[in-house]
């Protein structure tokens, strides 16, 4: 009974596999075959590494058993907790700008804002300035 069931299951899986392979492209089958070969190739290396690790642990355990000696019980000594001093407050840093000099965006009190309405000659570019430049385009024939 067990053999008959296994044969029926094997034939069913083979039939399903055959129909699936017919519908899948050759590139997909090549990729699946490559992945299966890669996994199969990694199994012996993994088994070898596991065996080496187990042997190393067994030799370490055996060496620990041979040199095992009982240490005398440790005496408990009362040591008071060290007293810590409170942290000093962080230093206060005060920055003052020199008289007559202001950071960008800062103005003295009662300063007239009329100076800002005139255009800055250094920020504006002349209309012919772009045309006056020589442009060198690389890669164009």
Protein backbone atom coordinates (compact mmCIF):
# COMPACT_ATOMS: atom_id res chain seq x y z
CA UNK A 1 0.00 0.00 0.00
CA UNK A 2 2.81 2.44 0.85
CA UNK A 3 4.67 1.72 -2.38
CA UNK A 4 1.55 2.25 -4.49
CA UNK A 5 0.84 5.58 -2.81
CA UNK A 6 4.42 6.74 -3.40
CA UNK A 7 4.21 5.76 -7.08
CA UNK A 8 0.93 7.65 -7.55
CA UNK A 9 2.32 10.75 -5.82
CA UNK A 10 5.51 10.58 -7.93
CA UNK A 11 3.54 10.27 -11.19
CA UNK A 12 1.27 13.16 -10.18
CA UNK A 13 4.25 15.40 -9.34
CA UNK A 14 5.99 14.43 -12.59
CA UNK A 15 2.87 15.32 -14.58
CA UNK A 16 2.50 18.69 -12.85
CA UNK A 17 6.21 19.38 -13.34
CA UNK A 18 6.04 18.49 -17.04
CA UNK A 19 3.11 20.85 -17.66
CA UNK A 20 4.82 23.64 -15.70
CA UNK A 21 8.06 23.22 -17.67
CA UNK A 22 6.22 23.39 -20.99
CA UNK A 23 4.69 26.77 -20.09
CA UNK A 24 7.88 28.41 -18.76
CA UNK A 25 10.45 30.01 -21.09
CA UNK A 26 13.92 28.53 -21.58
CA UNK A 27 15.62 31.50 -19.85
CA UNK A 28 13.55 30.99 -16.71
CA UNK A 29 14.38 27.29 -16.65
CA UNK A 30 18.09 28.09 -17.03
CA UNK A 31 17.92 30.49 -14.09
CA UNK A 32 16.06 27.96 -11.92
CA UNK A 33 18.57 25.25 -12.84
CA UNK A 34 21.47 27.58 -11.99
CA UNK A 35 19.99 28.44 -8.61
CA UNK A 36 19.42 24.75 -7.83
CA UNK A 37 23.01 23.93 -8.78
CA UNK A 38 24.31 26.79 -6.64
CA UNK A 39 22.36 25.63 -3.61
CA UNK A 40 23.47 22.04 -4.17
CA UNK A 41 27.11 23.17 -4.43
CA UNK A 42 26.91 25.05 -1.14
CA UNK A 43 25.61 22.07 0.84
CA UNK A 44 28.94 20.17 1.10
CA UNK A 45 30.81 23.30 2.13
CA UNK A 46 28.21 24.08 4.79
CA UNK A 47 28.34 20.52 6.15
CA UNK A 48 32.14 20.68 6.28
CA UNK A 49 32.11 23.98 8.15
CA UNK A 50 29.56 22.64 10.64
CA UNK A 51 31.66 19.54 11.29
CA UNK A 52 34.79 21.64 11.80
CA UNK A 53 32.92 23.90 14.23
CA UNK A 54 31.55 20.95 16.20
CA UNK A 55 35.00 19.34 16.44
CA UNK A 56 36.49 22.61 17.64
CA UNK A 57 33.82 22.94 20.33
CA UNK A 58 34.30 19.33 21.44
CA UNK A 59 38.07 19.79 21.84
CA UNK A 60 37.50 23.06 23.74
CA UNK A 61 35.02 21.34 26.08
CA UNK A 62 37.43 18.45 26.66
CA UNK A 63 40.29 20.83 27.49
CA UNK A 64 38.06 22.75 29.91
CA UNK A 65 37.20 19.54 31.78
CA UNK A 66 40.85 18.54 32.26
CA UNK A 67 41.96 21.84 33.78
CA UNK A 68 38.86 22.44 35.86
CA UNK A 69 39.69 23.26 39.47
CA UNK A 70 37.46 24.65 42.14
CA UNK A 71 38.23 28.16 43.22
CA UNK A 72 37.87 29.04 46.89
CA UNK A 73 34.70 30.93 47.69
CA UNK A 74 35.16 34.66 47.35
CA UNK A 75 34.77 36.79 50.45
CA UNK A 76 32.31 39.57 50.30
CA UNK A 77 33.86 42.86 51.28
CA UNK A 78 31.67 45.84 52.04
CA UNK A 79 32.66 48.81 49.97
CA UNK A 80 30.63 51.99 50.22
CA UNK A 81 29.45 53.52 46.99
CA UNK A 82 31.79 56.25 45.74
CA UNK A 83 30.40 59.71 46.29
CA UNK A 84 30.08 61.82 43.21
CA UNK A 85 30.18 65.58 43.13
CA UNK A 86 27.42 67.42 41.34
CA UNK A 87 28.36 68.50 37.83
CA UNK A 88 29.29 72.17 37.54
CA UNK A 89 26.89 74.31 35.54
CA UNK A 90 27.86 74.82 31.91
CA UNK A 91 29.81 78.01 31.24
CA UNK A 92 27.85 80.96 29.94
CA UNK A 93 29.16 82.36 26.67
CA UNK A 94 28.16 85.89 25.72
CA UNK A 95 29.04 87.24 22.28
CA UNK A 96 28.95 90.98 21.68
CA UNK A 97 29.51 92.62 18.32
CA UNK A 98 31.89 95.57 18.26
CA UNK A 99 30.41 99.05 18.05
CA UNK A 100 29.51 100.08 14.53
CA UNK A 101 29.64 96.59 13.04
CA UNK A 102 26.51 94.58 12.48
CA UNK A 103 25.91 91.06 11.25
CA UNK A 104 23.92 90.64 8.01
CA UNK A 105 20.28 91.38 8.67
CA UNK A 106 20.93 93.33 11.86
CA UNK A 107 20.48 97.09 11.98
CA UNK A 108 20.98 99.59 14.77
CA UNK A 109 17.95 101.19 16.36
CA UNK A 110 16.27 104.03 14.41
CA UNK A 111 18.29 103.23 11.28
CA UNK A 112 16.69 104.56 8.08
CA UNK A 113 15.82 101.77 5.64
CA UNK A 114 16.15 103.99 2.54
CA UNK A 115 19.61 102.69 1.69
CA UNK A 116 18.13 99.27 0.86
CA UNK A 117 15.90 100.65 -1.90
CA UNK A 118 18.76 101.49 -4.26
CA UNK A 119 19.93 98.60 -6.45
CA UNK A 120 23.33 97.15 -5.74
CA UNK A 121 25.56 97.59 -8.80
CA UNK A 122 27.56 94.45 -7.99
CA UNK A 123 24.55 92.16 -7.85
CA UNK A 124 23.00 93.17 -11.14
CA UNK A 125 24.45 91.90 -14.39
CA UNK A 126 24.29 93.83 -17.62
CA UNK A 127 22.03 92.51 -20.36
CA UNK A 128 24.95 92.13 -22.80
CA UNK A 129 27.24 90.45 -20.26
CA UNK A 130 26.04 86.93 -21.13
CA UNK A 131 26.49 87.56 -24.84
CA UNK A 132 29.93 89.07 -24.28
CA UNK A 133 31.27 85.86 -22.76
CA UNK A 134 32.97 83.28 -24.92
CA UNK A 135 31.30 79.91 -24.54
CA UNK A 136 33.27 76.76 -25.30
CA UNK A 137 31.10 73.71 -25.92
CA UNK A 138 32.94 70.39 -25.76
CA UNK A 139 31.71 67.39 -27.69
CA UNK A 140 29.74 69.21 -30.35
CA UNK A 141 30.94 69.08 -33.97
